[in-house]
Amino acid sequence: MSIARKLSDLSGDDLLTTQDVATFIGVSVRTVESWRQKGKPPKYKRFSHKLLRYRAEDVKKFINQKR
């Protein structure tokens, strides 16, 4: 998925990478990874040991809660 797309253009079920999430939120990839390790939002789904994704809807909720 191109990170050039706006988060508002995404369907709630679209899946985002850690890089996508970091870009949309405006933080580093390492910050998103740190939040994940600490159990902080946004929620994510792990598909395998190395593959995880974030639902666009969960990222939108996270951003809205921060405002």
C-alpha atoms as a PDB file:
ATOM      1  CA  MET A   1       0.000   0.000   0.000  1.00  0.00           C
ATOM      2  CA  SER A   2       1.284   3.435  -0.825  1.00  0.00           C
ATOM      3  CA  ILE A   3       1.727   5.614   2.228  1.00  0.00           C
ATOM      4  CA  ALA A   4       0.930   8.573   0.009  1.00  0.00           C
ATOM      5  CA  ARG A   5      -2.746   7.672   0.419  1.00  0.00           C
ATOM      6  CA  LYS A   6      -4.667   9.470   3.116  1.00  0.00           C
ATOM      7  CA  LEU A   7      -5.813   7.499   6.110  1.00  0.00           C
ATOM      8  CA  SER A   8      -9.326   8.811   5.514  1.00  0.00           C
ATOM      9  CA  ASP A   9      -9.290   7.135   2.072  1.00  0.00           C
ATOM     10  CA  LEU A  10      -8.752   3.693   3.587  1.00  0.00           C
ATOM     11  CA  SER A  11     -11.417   1.162   4.431  1.00  0.00           C
ATOM     12  CA  GLY A  12     -11.601   0.187   8.101  1.00  0.00           C
ATOM     13  CA  ASP A  13     -10.413  -3.322   7.271  1.00  0.00           C
ATOM     14  CA  ASP A  14      -7.381  -2.256   5.217  1.00  0.00           C
ATOM     15  CA  LEU A  15      -4.169  -3.536   6.747  1.00  0.00           C
ATOM     16  CA  LEU A  16      -1.197  -1.266   7.421  1.00  0.00           C
ATOM     17  CA  THR A  17       2.455  -1.983   8.050  1.00  0.00           C
ATOM     18  CA  THR A  18       4.366  -0.582  11.000  1.00  0.00           C
ATOM     19  CA  GLN A  19       5.947   1.924   8.595  1.00  0.00           C
ATOM     20  CA  ASP A  20       2.507   3.031   7.381  1.00  0.00           C
ATOM     21  CA  VAL A  21       1.308   3.520  10.966  1.00  0.00           C
ATOM     22  CA  ALA A  22       4.408   5.508  11.910  1.00  0.00           C
ATOM     23  CA  THR A  23       3.945   7.763   8.884  1.00  0.00           C
ATOM     24  CA  PHE A  24       0.239   8.375   9.531  1.00  0.00           C
ATOM     25  CA  ILE A  25       0.800   9.115  13.229  1.00  0.00           C
ATOM     26  CA  GLY A  26       3.965  11.145  12.668  1.00  0.00           C
ATOM     27  CA  VAL A  27       6.357   9.125  14.818  1.00  0.00           C
ATOM     28  CA  SER A  28       9.288   6.827  14.119  1.00  0.00           C
ATOM     29  CA  VAL A  29       8.939   3.122  13.367  1.00  0.00           C
ATOM     30  CA  ARG A  30      10.875   2.471  16.574  1.00  0.00           C
ATOM     31  CA  THR A  31       8.262   4.379  18.585  1.00  0.00           C
ATOM     32  CA  VAL A  32       5.447   2.238  17.157  1.00  0.00           C
ATOM     33  CA  GLU A  33       7.488  -0.902  17.902  1.00  0.00           C
ATOM     34  CA  SER A  34       8.090   0.303  21.461  1.00  0.00           C
ATOM     35  CA  TRP A  35       4.367   0.943  21.995  1.00  0.00           C
ATOM     36  CA  ARG A  36       3.605  -2.535  20.682  1.00  0.00           C
ATOM     37  CA  GLN A  37       6.125  -4.142  23.063  1.00  0.00           C
ATOM     38  CA  LYS A  38       4.546  -2.263  25.976  1.00  0.00           C
ATOM     39  CA  GLY A  39       1.029  -3.322  24.976  1.00  0.00           C
ATOM     40  CA  LYS A  40      -0.036   0.207  24.041  1.00  0.00           C
ATOM     41  CA  PRO A  41      -2.397   0.999  21.165  1.00  0.00           C
ATOM     42  CA  PRO A  42      -3.001   0.900  18.308  1.00  0.00           C
ATOM     43  CA  LYS A  43      -4.105  -2.736  18.231  1.00  0.00           C
ATOM     44  CA  TYR A  44      -2.435  -5.079  15.774  1.00  0.00           C
ATOM     45  CA  LYS A  45      -2.859  -8.590  14.410  1.00  0.00           C
ATOM     46  CA  ARG A  46       0.033 -11.011  14.138  1.00  0.00           C
ATOM     47  CA  PHE A  47      -0.191 -13.391  11.172  1.00  0.00           C
ATOM     48  CA  SER A  48       3.125 -15.140  11.783  1.00  0.00           C
ATOM     49  CA  HIS A  49       6.309 -14.649  13.767  1.00  0.00           C
ATOM     50  CA  LYS A  50       7.511 -11.951  11.369  1.00  0.00           C
ATOM     51  CA  LEU A  51       4.262 -10.637   9.887  1.00  0.00           C
ATOM     52  CA  LEU A  52       1.927  -8.266  11.677  1.00  0.00           C
ATOM     53  CA  ARG A  53      -0.463  -5.616  10.494  1.00  0.00           C
ATOM     54  CA  TYR A  54      -2.644  -2.867  11.916  1.00  0.00           C
ATOM     55  CA  ARG A  55      -6.264  -2.377  10.852  1.00  0.00           C
ATOM     56  CA  ALA A  56      -6.820   1.104   9.460  1.00  0.00           C
ATOM     57  CA  GLU A  57      -9.886   1.465  11.698  1.00  0.00           C
ATOM     58  CA  ASP A  58      -7.798   0.843  14.832  1.00  0.00           C
ATOM     59  CA  VAL A  59      -5.216   3.401  13.722  1.00  0.00           C
ATOM     60  CA  LYS A  60      -7.974   5.958  13.045  1.00  0.00           C
ATOM     61  CA  LYS A  61      -9.415   5.361  16.530  1.00  0.00           C
ATOM     62  CA  PHE A  62      -5.982   5.769  18.079  1.00  0.00           C
ATOM     63  CA  ILE A  63      -5.398   9.077  16.281  1.00  0.00           C
ATOM     64  CA  ASN A  64      -8.847  10.386  17.251  1.00  0.00           C
ATOM     65  CA  GLN A  65      -8.262   9.501  20.920  1.00  0.00           C
ATOM     66  CA  LYS A  66      -5.000  11.479  20.881  1.00  0.00           C
ATOM     67  CA  ARG A  67      -6.746  14.690  19.753  1.00  0.00           C
END
